[in-house]
Amino acid sequence: MRNKLFVCALCLATCLFFAANSIAAEVAEGKCLEFNAATKTLKLEEAAKKDAAPVTSEFDCSAAKMAAAPAAGDMVKVSYNVEGTVKKAVEVAIAPKQEKKK
């Protein structure tokens, strides 16, 4: 009986651990307007929802994981956490450019 109770408690703790980690970061996707390598800031134009103007957001990428620095016009996906009024990027991913078909 003790083993069953221990296994149930362990399963519950594991579920809560993974649930907390999955909701930790927010995600923004859009077109990169500017990336300043000196200050490590990224300006992103997020696609607007229905009948609304596009939203411009700025992210602090000083501690973010990124394979390469994004260029203006690249489609970018940013995972970030909000700390006060600053959006701190955790990971920046550049979408692969699609070739136009003839």
PDB file of N, CA and C in Angstrom:
ATOM      1  N   MET A   1       0.816  -1.192   0.000  1.00  0.00           N
ATOM      2  CA  MET A   1       0.000   0.000   0.000  1.00  0.00           C
ATOM      3  C   MET A   1       0.860   1.256   0.000  1.00  0.00           C
ATOM      4  N   ARG A   2       1.945   1.222   0.751  1.00  0.00           N
ATOM      5  CA  ARG A   2       2.834   2.378   0.804  1.00  0.00           C
ATOM      6  C   ARG A   2       3.465   2.640  -0.560  1.00  0.00           C
ATOM      7  N   ASN A   3       3.797   1.583  -1.286  1.00  0.00           N
ATOM      8  CA  ASN A   3       4.405   1.742  -2.609  1.00  0.00           C
ATOM      9  C   ASN A   3       3.430   2.413  -3.576  1.00  0.00           C
ATOM     10  N   LYS A   4       2.153   2.031  -3.523  1.00  0.00           N
ATOM     11  CA  LYS A   4       1.160   2.637  -4.412  1.00  0.00           C
ATOM     12  C   LYS A   4       0.985   4.115  -4.091  1.00  0.00           C
ATOM     13  N   LEU A   5       0.949   4.461  -2.835  1.00  0.00           N
ATOM     14  CA  LEU A   5       0.806   5.846  -2.423  1.00  0.00           C
ATOM     15  C   LEU A   5       2.028   6.659  -2.847  1.00  0.00           C
ATOM     16  N   PHE A   6       3.213   6.083  -2.702  1.00  0.00           N
ATOM     17  CA  PHE A   6       4.445   6.755  -3.100  1.00  0.00           C
ATOM     18  C   PHE A   6       4.468   6.995  -4.608  1.00  0.00           C
ATOM     19  N   VAL A   7       4.064   6.006  -5.386  1.00  0.00           N
ATOM     20  CA  VAL A   7       4.046   6.128  -6.845  1.00  0.00           C
ATOM     21  C   VAL A   7       3.042   7.196  -7.273  1.00  0.00           C
ATOM     22  N   CYS A   8       1.875   7.225  -6.657  1.00  0.00           N
ATOM     23  CA  CYS A   8       0.864   8.248  -6.973  1.00  0.00           C
ATOM     24  C   CYS A   8       1.383   9.646  -6.649  1.00  0.00           C
ATOM     25  N   ALA A   9       2.017   9.807  -5.510  1.00  0.00           N
ATOM     26  CA  ALA A   9       2.563  11.106  -5.124  1.00  0.00           C
ATOM     27  C   ALA A   9       3.672  11.534  -6.069  1.00  0.00           C
ATOM     28  N   LEU A  10       4.503  10.607  -6.493  1.00  0.00           N
ATOM     29  CA  LEU A  10       5.586  10.901  -7.426  1.00  0.00           C
ATOM     30  C   LEU A  10       5.040  11.314  -8.786  1.00  0.00           C
ATOM     31  N   CYS A  11       3.993  10.639  -9.252  1.00  0.00           N
ATOM     32  CA  CYS A  11       3.357  10.991 -10.534  1.00  0.00           C
ATOM     33  C   CYS A  11       2.746  12.390 -10.472  1.00  0.00           C
ATOM     34  N   LEU A  12       2.094  12.707  -9.382  1.00  0.00           N
ATOM     35  CA  LEU A  12       1.491  14.022  -9.212  1.00  0.00           C
ATOM     36  C   LEU A  12       2.561  15.114  -9.193  1.00  0.00           C
ATOM     37  N   ALA A  13       3.634  14.881  -8.473  1.00  0.00           N
ATOM     38  CA  ALA A  13       4.724  15.862  -8.410  1.00  0.00           C
ATOM     39  C   ALA A  13       5.356  16.069  -9.784  1.00  0.00           C
ATOM     40  N   THR A  14       5.518  15.002 -10.559  1.00  0.00           N
ATOM     41  CA  THR A  14       6.085  15.096 -11.900  1.00  0.00           C
ATOM     42  C   THR A  14       5.171  15.906 -12.817  1.00  0.00           C
ATOM     43  N   CYS A  15       3.872  15.652 -12.753  1.00  0.00           N
ATOM     44  CA  CYS A  15       2.908  16.399 -13.575  1.00  0.00           C
ATOM     45  C   CYS A  15       2.937  17.878 -13.246  1.00  0.00           C
ATOM     46  N   LEU A  16       2.979  18.226 -11.974  1.00  0.00           N
ATOM     47  CA  LEU A  16       3.012  19.625 -11.574  1.00  0.00           C
ATOM     48  C   LEU A  16       4.307  20.300 -12.011  1.00  0.00           C
ATOM     49  N   PHE A  17       5.412  19.569 -11.954  1.00  0.00           N
ATOM     50  CA  PHE A  17       6.700  20.121 -12.378  1.00  0.00           C
ATOM     51  C   PHE A  17       6.675  20.479 -13.858  1.00  0.00           C
ATOM     52  N   PHE A  18       6.203  19.570 -14.711  1.00  0.00           N
ATOM     53  CA  PHE A  18       6.180  19.826 -16.144  1.00  0.00           C
ATOM     54  C   PHE A  18       5.134  20.865 -16.516  1.00  0.00           C
ATOM     55  N   ALA A  19       4.040  20.932 -15.800  1.00  0.00           N
ATOM     56  CA  ALA A  19       3.009  21.941 -16.083  1.00  0.00           C
ATOM     57  C   ALA A  19       3.544  23.339 -15.780  1.00  0.00           C
ATOM     58  N   ALA A  20       4.279  23.493 -14.710  1.00  0.00           N
ATOM     59  CA  ALA A  20       4.826  24.807 -14.355  1.00  0.00           C
ATOM     60  C   ALA A  20       5.855  25.263 -15.380  1.00  0.00           C
ATOM     61  N   ASN A  21       6.664  24.367 -15.887  1.00  0.00           N
ATOM     62  CA  ASN A  21       7.677  24.735 -16.869  1.00  0.00           C
ATOM     63  C   ASN A  21       7.073  25.050 -18.228  1.00  0.00           C
ATOM     64  N   SER A  22       5.970  24.440 -18.571  1.00  0.00           N
ATOM     65  CA  SER A  22       5.400  24.655 -19.893  1.00  0.00           C
ATOM     66  C   SER A  22       4.722  26.008 -20.015  1.00  0.00           C
ATOM     67  N   ILE A  23       4.292  26.601 -18.918  1.00  0.00           N
ATOM     68  CA  ILE A  23       3.628  27.896 -18.995  1.00  0.00           C
ATOM     69  C   ILE A  23       4.543  29.043 -18.566  1.00  0.00           C
ATOM     70  N   ALA A  24       5.813  28.796 -18.444  1.00  0.00           N
ATOM     71  CA  ALA A  24       6.726  29.802 -17.929  1.00  0.00           C
ATOM     72  C   ALA A  24       6.968  30.948 -18.908  1.00  0.00           C
ATOM     73  N   ALA A  25       7.155  30.679 -20.178  1.00  0.00           N
ATOM     74  CA  ALA A  25       7.514  31.717 -21.138  1.00  0.00           C
ATOM     75  C   ALA A  25       6.368  32.023 -22.093  1.00  0.00           C
ATOM     76  N   GLU A  26       6.287  33.281 -22.496  1.00  0.00           N
ATOM     77  CA  GLU A  26       5.322  33.694 -23.506  1.00  0.00           C
ATOM     78  C   GLU A  26       6.026  33.684 -24.863  1.00  0.00           C
ATOM     79  N   VAL A  27       5.244  33.684 -25.940  1.00  0.00           N
ATOM     80  CA  VAL A  27       5.812  33.604 -27.285  1.00  0.00           C
ATOM     81  C   VAL A  27       5.252  34.729 -28.143  1.00  0.00           C
ATOM     82  N   ALA A  28       6.129  35.343 -28.933  1.00  0.00           N
ATOM     83  CA  ALA A  28       5.733  36.357 -29.901  1.00  0.00           C
ATOM     84  C   ALA A  28       6.348  35.989 -31.250  1.00  0.00           C
ATOM     85  N   GLU A  29       5.565  36.146 -32.314  1.00  0.00           N
ATOM     86  CA  GLU A  29       6.048  35.856 -33.653  1.00  0.00           C
ATOM     87  C   GLU A  29       5.779  37.058 -34.545  1.00  0.00           C
ATOM     88  N   GLY A  30       6.705  37.337 -35.449  1.00  0.00           N
ATOM     89  CA  GLY A  30       6.493  38.436 -36.377  1.00  0.00           C
ATOM     90  C   GLY A  30       7.745  38.750 -37.165  1.00  0.00           C
ATOM     91  N   LYS A  31       7.739  39.929 -37.773  1.00  0.00           N
ATOM     92  CA  LYS A  31       8.837  40.361 -38.632  1.00  0.00           C
ATOM     93  C   LYS A  31       9.808  41.218 -37.834  1.00  0.00           C
ATOM     94  N   CYS A  32      11.087  40.934 -37.961  1.00  0.00           N
ATOM     95  CA  CYS A  32      12.128  41.702 -37.282  1.00  0.00           C
ATOM     96  C   CYS A  32      12.249  43.063 -37.970  1.00  0.00           C
ATOM     97  N   LEU A  33      12.092  44.118 -37.200  1.00  0.00           N
ATOM     98  CA  LEU A  33      12.272  45.462 -37.740  1.00  0.00           C
ATOM     99  C   LEU A  33      13.720  45.914 -37.598  1.00  0.00           C
ATOM    100  N   GLU A  34      14.331  45.567 -36.444  1.00  0.00           N
ATOM    101  CA  GLU A  34      15.697  46.003 -36.182  1.00  0.00           C
ATOM    102  C   GLU A  34      16.302  45.144 -35.079  1.00  0.00           C
ATOM    103  N   PHE A  35      17.590  44.786 -35.239  1.00  0.00           N
ATOM    104  CA  PHE A  35      18.326  44.128 -34.166  1.00  0.00           C
ATOM    105  C   PHE A  35      19.591  44.928 -33.931  1.00  0.00           C
ATOM    106  N   ASN A  36      19.743  45.471 -32.732  1.00  0.00           N
ATOM    107  CA  ASN A  36      20.906  46.255 -32.369  1.00  0.00           C
ATOM    108  C   ASN A  36      21.877  45.345 -31.621  1.00  0.00           C
ATOM    109  N   ALA A  37      22.999  45.020 -32.266  1.00  0.00           N
ATOM    110  CA  ALA A  37      23.968  44.090 -31.677  1.00  0.00           C
ATOM    111  C   ALA A  37      24.686  44.702 -30.481  1.00  0.00           C
ATOM    112  N   ALA A  38      24.847  46.020 -30.465  1.00  0.00           N
ATOM    113  CA  ALA A  38      25.555  46.668 -29.359  1.00  0.00           C
ATOM    114  C   ALA A  38      24.744  46.601 -28.064  1.00  0.00           C
ATOM    115  N   THR A  39      23.464  46.909 -28.143  1.00  0.00           N
ATOM    116  CA  THR A  39      22.625  46.888 -26.950  1.00  0.00           C
ATOM    117  C   THR A  39      21.854  45.584 -26.796  1.00  0.00           C
ATOM    118  N   LYS A  40      21.943  44.716 -27.792  1.00  0.00           N
ATOM    119  CA  LYS A  40      21.251  43.419 -27.808  1.00  0.00           C
ATOM    120  C   LYS A  40      19.744  43.588 -27.611  1.00  0.00           C
ATOM    121  N   THR A  41      19.160  44.505 -28.373  1.00  0.00           N
ATOM    122  CA  THR A  41      17.719  44.697 -28.346  1.00  0.00           C
ATOM    123  C   THR A  41      17.134  44.355 -29.704  1.00  0.00           C
ATOM    124  N   LEU A  42      15.931  43.837 -29.697  1.00  0.00           N
ATOM    125  CA  LEU A  42      15.242  43.408 -30.904  1.00  0.00           C
ATOM    126  C   LEU A  42      13.888  44.097 -30.972  1.00  0.00           C
ATOM    127  N   LYS A  43      13.608  44.732 -32.122  1.00  0.00           N
ATOM    128  CA  LYS A  43      12.284  45.307 -32.352  1.00  0.00           C
ATOM    129  C   LYS A  43      11.550  44.374 -33.292  1.00  0.00           C
ATOM    130  N   LEU A  44      10.349  44.005 -32.891  1.00  0.00           N
ATOM    131  CA  LEU A  44       9.564  43.014 -33.613  1.00  0.00           C
ATOM    132  C   LEU A  44       8.184  43.573 -33.918  1.00  0.00           C
ATOM    133  N   GLU A  45       7.734  43.381 -35.153  1.00  0.00           N
ATOM    134  CA  GLU A  45       6.382  43.769 -35.542  1.00  0.00           C
ATOM    135  C   GLU A  45       5.536  42.511 -35.537  1.00  0.00           C
ATOM    136  N   GLU A  46       4.673  42.401 -34.539  1.00  0.00           N
ATOM    137  CA  GLU A  46       3.823  41.217 -34.410  1.00  0.00           C
ATOM    138  C   GLU A  46       2.616  41.352 -35.322  1.00  0.00           C
ATOM    139  N   ALA A  47       2.223  40.253 -35.911  1.00  0.00           N
ATOM    140  CA  ALA A  47       1.044  40.252 -36.764  1.00  0.00           C
ATOM    141  C   ALA A  47      -0.172  40.616 -35.930  1.00  0.00           C
ATOM    142  N   ALA A  48      -0.972  41.497 -36.471  1.00  0.00           N
ATOM    143  CA  ALA A  48      -2.137  41.977 -35.732  1.00  0.00           C
ATOM    144  C   ALA A  48      -3.273  40.975 -35.801  1.00  0.00           C
ATOM    145  N   LYS A  49      -4.094  41.054 -34.802  1.00  0.00           N
ATOM    146  CA  LYS A  49      -5.297  40.242 -34.818  1.00  0.00           C
ATOM    147  C   LYS A  49      -6.290  40.894 -35.773  1.00  0.00           C
ATOM    148  N   LYS A  50      -7.379  40.282 -35.996  1.00  0.00           N
ATOM    149  CA  LYS A  50      -8.401  40.716 -36.936  1.00  0.00           C
ATOM    150  C   LYS A  50      -8.743  42.212 -36.790  1.00  0.00           C
ATOM    151  N   ASP A  51      -8.668  42.948 -37.884  1.00  0.00           N
ATOM    152  CA  ASP A  51      -9.037  44.369 -37.954  1.00  0.00           C
ATOM    153  C   ASP A  51      -8.305  45.251 -36.945  1.00  0.00           C
ATOM    154  N   ALA A  52      -7.035  44.990 -36.704  1.00  0.00           N
ATOM    155  CA  ALA A  52      -6.256  45.815 -35.782  1.00  0.00           C
ATOM    156  C   ALA A  52      -4.897  46.128 -36.414  1.00  0.00           C
ATOM    157  N   ALA A  53      -4.282  47.184 -35.957  1.00  0.00           N
ATOM    158  CA  ALA A  53      -2.968  47.571 -36.467  1.00  0.00           C
ATOM    159  C   ALA A  53      -1.894  46.646 -35.895  1.00  0.00           C
ATOM    160  N   PRO A  54      -0.806  46.440 -36.649  1.00  0.00           N
ATOM    161  CA  PRO A  54       0.293  45.618 -36.122  1.00  0.00           C
ATOM    162  C   PRO A  54       0.888  46.234 -34.861  1.00  0.00           C
ATOM    163  N   VAL A  55       1.381  45.388 -33.985  1.00  0.00           N
ATOM    164  CA  VAL A  55       1.945  45.817 -32.706  1.00  0.00           C
ATOM    165  C   VAL A  55       3.459  45.707 -32.774  1.00  0.00           C
ATOM    166  N   THR A  56       4.152  46.754 -32.348  1.00  0.00           N
ATOM    167  CA  THR A  56       5.609  46.736 -32.289  1.00  0.00           C
ATOM    168  C   THR A  56       6.048  46.490 -30.858  1.00  0.00           C
ATOM    169  N   SER A  57       6.912  45.485 -30.673  1.00  0.00           N
ATOM    170  CA  SER A  57       7.412  45.140 -29.343  1.00  0.00           C
ATOM    171  C   SER A  57       8.928  45.190 -29.341  1.00  0.00           C
ATOM    172  N   GLU A  58       9.505  45.474 -28.175  1.00  0.00           N
ATOM    173  CA  GLU A  58      10.959  45.505 -28.041  1.00  0.00           C
ATOM    174  C   GLU A  58      11.380  44.500 -26.974  1.00  0.00           C
ATOM    175  N   PHE A  59      12.422  43.721 -27.271  1.00  0.00           N
ATOM    176  CA  PHE A  59      12.886  42.653 -26.385  1.00  0.00           C
ATOM    177  C   PHE A  59      14.353  42.852 -26.037  1.00  0.00           C
ATOM    178  N   ASP A  60      14.717  42.526 -24.796  1.00  0.00           N
ATOM    179  CA  ASP A  60      16.106  42.521 -24.348  1.00  0.00           C
ATOM    180  C   ASP A  60      16.658  41.117 -24.593  1.00  0.00           C
ATOM    181  N   CYS A  61      17.607  40.999 -25.505  1.00  0.00           N
ATOM    182  CA  CYS A  61      18.141  39.688 -25.900  1.00  0.00           C
ATOM    183  C   CYS A  61      19.523  39.423 -25.315  1.00  0.00           C
ATOM    184  N   SER A  62      19.896  40.105 -24.243  1.00  0.00           N
ATOM    185  CA  SER A  62      21.241  39.971 -23.690  1.00  0.00           C
ATOM    186  C   SER A  62      21.532  38.562 -23.173  1.00  0.00           C
ATOM    187  N   ALA A  63      20.532  37.852 -22.686  1.00  0.00           N
ATOM    188  CA  ALA A  63      20.754  36.507 -22.154  1.00  0.00           C
ATOM    189  C   ALA A  63      20.044  35.442 -22.987  1.00  0.00           C
ATOM    190  N   ALA A  64      19.611  35.786 -24.188  1.00  0.00           N
ATOM    191  CA  ALA A  64      18.828  34.859 -25.005  1.00  0.00           C
ATOM    192  C   ALA A  64      19.708  33.887 -25.776  1.00  0.00           C
ATOM    193  N   LYS A  65      19.161  32.683 -25.995  1.00  0.00           N
ATOM    194  CA  LYS A  65      19.819  31.707 -26.866  1.00  0.00           C
ATOM    195  C   LYS A  65      19.401  32.037 -28.292  1.00  0.00           C
ATOM    196  N   MET A  66      20.375  32.194 -29.186  1.00  0.00           N
ATOM    197  CA  MET A  66      20.062  32.394 -30.589  1.00  0.00           C
ATOM    198  C   MET A  66      21.192  31.849 -31.436  1.00  0.00           C
ATOM    199  N   ALA A  67      20.816  31.170 -32.523  1.00  0.00           N
ATOM    200  CA  ALA A  67      21.811  30.576 -33.402  1.00  0.00           C
ATOM    201  C   ALA A  67      22.531  31.660 -34.199  1.00  0.00           C
ATOM    202  N   ALA A  68      21.788  32.648 -34.686  1.00  0.00           N
ATOM    203  CA  ALA A  68      22.358  33.751 -35.448  1.00  0.00           C
ATOM    204  C   ALA A  68      21.552  34.997 -35.164  1.00  0.00           C
ATOM    205  N   ALA A  69      22.186  36.139 -35.347  1.00  0.00           N
ATOM    206  CA  ALA A  69      21.481  37.408 -35.130  1.00  0.00           C
ATOM    207  C   ALA A  69      20.490  37.628 -36.265  1.00  0.00           C
ATOM    208  N   PRO A  70      19.268  38.011 -35.951  1.00  0.00           N
ATOM    209  CA  PRO A  70      18.284  38.239 -37.008  1.00  0.00           C
ATOM    210  C   PRO A  70      18.566  39.537 -37.759  1.00  0.00           C
ATOM    211  N   ALA A  71      18.199  39.550 -39.020  1.00  0.00           N
ATOM    212  CA  ALA A  71      18.330  40.749 -39.845  1.00  0.00           C
ATOM    213  C   ALA A  71      16.948  41.354 -40.042  1.00  0.00           C
ATOM    214  N   ALA A  72      16.919  42.603 -40.446  1.00  0.00           N
ATOM    215  CA  ALA A  72      15.642  43.271 -40.697  1.00  0.00           C
ATOM    216  C   ALA A  72      14.894  42.529 -41.796  1.00  0.00           C
ATOM    217  N   GLY A  73      13.631  42.246 -41.552  1.00  0.00           N
ATOM    218  CA  GLY A  73      12.796  41.537 -42.519  1.00  0.00           C
ATOM    219  C   GLY A  73      12.660  40.051 -42.262  1.00  0.00           C
ATOM    220  N   ASP A  74      13.498  39.489 -41.394  1.00  0.00           N
ATOM    221  CA  ASP A  74      13.401  38.055 -41.063  1.00  0.00           C
ATOM    222  C   ASP A  74      12.151  37.794 -40.230  1.00  0.00           C
ATOM    223  N   MET A  75      11.542  36.636 -40.448  1.00  0.00           N
ATOM    224  CA  MET A  75      10.444  36.191 -39.599  1.00  0.00           C
ATOM    225  C   MET A  75      11.073  35.544 -38.365  1.00  0.00           C
ATOM    226  N   VAL A  76      10.648  35.993 -37.183  1.00  0.00           N
ATOM    227  CA  VAL A  76      11.295  35.606 -35.935  1.00  0.00           C
ATOM    228  C   VAL A  76      10.244  35.125 -34.933  1.00  0.00           C
ATOM    229  N   LYS A  77      10.643  34.141 -34.126  1.00  0.00           N
ATOM    230  CA  LYS A  77       9.822  33.656 -33.017  1.00  0.00           C
ATOM    231  C   LYS A  77      10.630  33.876 -31.741  1.00  0.00           C
ATOM    232  N   VAL A  78      10.041  34.618 -30.788  1.00  0.00           N
ATOM    233  CA  VAL A  78      10.739  34.974 -29.554  1.00  0.00           C
ATOM    234  C   VAL A  78       9.986  34.396 -28.360  1.00  0.00           C
ATOM    235  N   SER A  79      10.683  33.619 -27.540  1.00  0.00           N
ATOM    236  CA  SER A  79      10.144  33.167 -26.257  1.00  0.00           C
ATOM    237  C   SER A  79      10.700  34.125 -25.207  1.00  0.00           C
ATOM    238  N   TYR A  80       9.813  34.679 -24.367  1.00  0.00           N
ATOM    239  CA  TYR A  80      10.262  35.709 -23.433  1.00  0.00           C
ATOM    240  C   TYR A  80       9.505  35.645 -22.113  1.00  0.00           C
ATOM    241  N   ASN A  81      10.105  36.272 -21.123  1.00  0.00           N
ATOM    242  CA  ASN A  81       9.490  36.459 -19.808  1.00  0.00           C
ATOM    243  C   ASN A  81       9.389  37.955 -19.552  1.00  0.00           C
ATOM    244  N   VAL A  82       8.332  38.378 -18.890  1.00  0.00           N
ATOM    245  CA  VAL A  82       8.151  39.783 -18.562  1.00  0.00           C
ATOM    246  C   VAL A  82       8.678  40.014 -17.150  1.00  0.00           C
ATOM    247  N   GLU A  83       9.632  40.936 -17.029  1.00  0.00           N
ATOM    248  CA  GLU A  83      10.195  41.301 -15.726  1.00  0.00           C
ATOM    249  C   GLU A  83       9.965  42.789 -15.528  1.00  0.00           C
ATOM    250  N   GLY A  84       8.922  43.136 -14.824  1.00  0.00           N
ATOM    251  CA  GLY A  84       8.546  44.543 -14.648  1.00  0.00           C
ATOM    252  C   GLY A  84       7.953  45.060 -15.951  1.00  0.00           C
ATOM    253  N   THR A  85       8.635  46.030 -16.564  1.00  0.00           N
ATOM    254  CA  THR A  85       8.177  46.553 -17.846  1.00  0.00           C
ATOM    255  C   THR A  85       9.047  46.074 -18.999  1.00  0.00           C
ATOM    256  N   VAL A  86      10.052  45.264 -18.705  1.00  0.00           N
ATOM    257  CA  VAL A  86      10.997  44.791 -19.718  1.00  0.00           C
ATOM    258  C   VAL A  86      10.645  43.370 -20.143  1.00  0.00           C
ATOM    259  N   LYS A  87      10.664  43.134 -21.452  1.00  0.00           N
ATOM    260  CA  LYS A  87      10.461  41.786 -21.987  1.00  0.00           C
ATOM    261  C   LYS A  87      11.840  41.192 -22.252  1.00  0.00           C
ATOM    262  N   LYS A  88      12.217  40.192 -21.442  1.00  0.00           N
ATOM    263  CA  LYS A  88      13.530  39.556 -21.563  1.00  0.00           C
ATOM    264  C   LYS A  88      13.397  38.286 -22.381  1.00  0.00           C
ATOM    265  N   ALA A  89      14.073  38.240 -23.504  1.00  0.00           N
ATOM    266  CA  ALA A  89      14.022  37.086 -24.395  1.00  0.00           C
ATOM    267  C   ALA A  89      14.791  35.919 -23.792  1.00  0.00           C
ATOM    268  N   VAL A  90      14.202  34.729 -23.911  1.00  0.00           N
ATOM    269  CA  VAL A  90      14.844  33.501 -23.466  1.00  0.00           C
ATOM    270  C   VAL A  90      15.472  32.808 -24.673  1.00  0.00           C
ATOM    271  N   GLU A  91      14.737  32.800 -25.786  1.00  0.00           N
ATOM    272  CA  GLU A  91      15.214  32.154 -27.010  1.00  0.00           C
ATOM    273  C   GLU A  91      14.683  32.919 -28.221  1.00  0.00           C
ATOM    274  N   VAL A  92      15.538  33.099 -29.212  1.00  0.00           N
ATOM    275  CA  VAL A  92      15.157  33.756 -30.460  1.00  0.00           C
ATOM    276  C   VAL A  92      15.432  32.783 -31.594  1.00  0.00           C
ATOM    277  N   ALA A  93      14.395  32.471 -32.369  1.00  0.00           N
ATOM    278  CA  ALA A  93      14.533  31.536 -33.486  1.00  0.00           C
ATOM    279  C   ALA A  93      14.118  32.243 -34.774  1.00  0.00           C
ATOM    280  N   ILE A  94      14.939  32.079 -35.809  1.00  0.00           N
ATOM    281  CA  ILE A  94      14.646  32.670 -37.104  1.00  0.00           C
ATOM    282  C   ILE A  94      14.002  31.604 -37.977  1.00  0.00           C
ATOM    283  N   ALA A  95      12.859  31.937 -38.569  1.00  0.00           N
ATOM    284  CA  ALA A  95      12.178  30.984 -39.462  1.00  0.00           C
ATOM    285  C   ALA A  95      12.981  30.868 -40.745  1.00  0.00           C
ATOM    286  N   PRO A  96      13.074  29.657 -41.290  1.00  0.00           N
ATOM    287  CA  PRO A  96      13.816  29.500 -42.546  1.00  0.00           C
ATOM    288  C   PRO A  96      13.114  30.234 -43.673  1.00  0.00           C
ATOM    289  N   LYS A  97      13.906  30.823 -44.550  1.00  0.00           N
ATOM    290  CA  LYS A  97      13.339  31.546 -45.694  1.00  0.00           C
ATOM    291  C   LYS A  97      12.855  30.540 -46.729  1.00  0.00           C
ATOM    292  N   GLN A  98      11.653  30.775 -47.207  1.00  0.00           N
ATOM    293  CA  GLN A  98      11.078  29.865 -48.194  1.00  0.00           C
ATOM    294  C   GLN A  98      11.391  30.384 -49.599  1.00  0.00           C
ATOM    295  N   GLU A  99      11.789  29.454 -50.443  1.00  0.00           N
ATOM    296  CA  GLU A  99      12.094  29.820 -51.822  1.00  0.00           C
ATOM    297  C   GLU A  99      10.803  29.902 -52.618  1.00  0.00           C
ATOM    298  N   LYS A 100      10.729  30.857 -53.514  1.00  0.00           N
ATOM    299  CA  LYS A 100       9.550  31.008 -54.345  1.00  0.00           C
ATOM    300  C   LYS A 100       9.576  29.951 -55.447  1.00  0.00           C
ATOM    301  N   LYS A 101       8.408  29.331 -55.673  1.00  0.00           N
ATOM    302  CA  LYS A 101       8.310  28.326 -56.725  1.00  0.00           C
ATOM    303  C   LYS A 101       8.039  29.010 -58.053  1.00  0.00           C
ATOM    304  N   LYS A 102       8.544  28.412 -59.109  1.00  0.00           N
ATOM    305  CA  LYS A 102       8.333  28.989 -60.434  1.00  0.00           C
ATOM    306  C   LYS A 102       6.963  28.705 -60.951  1.00  0.00           C
TER     307      LYS A 102
END
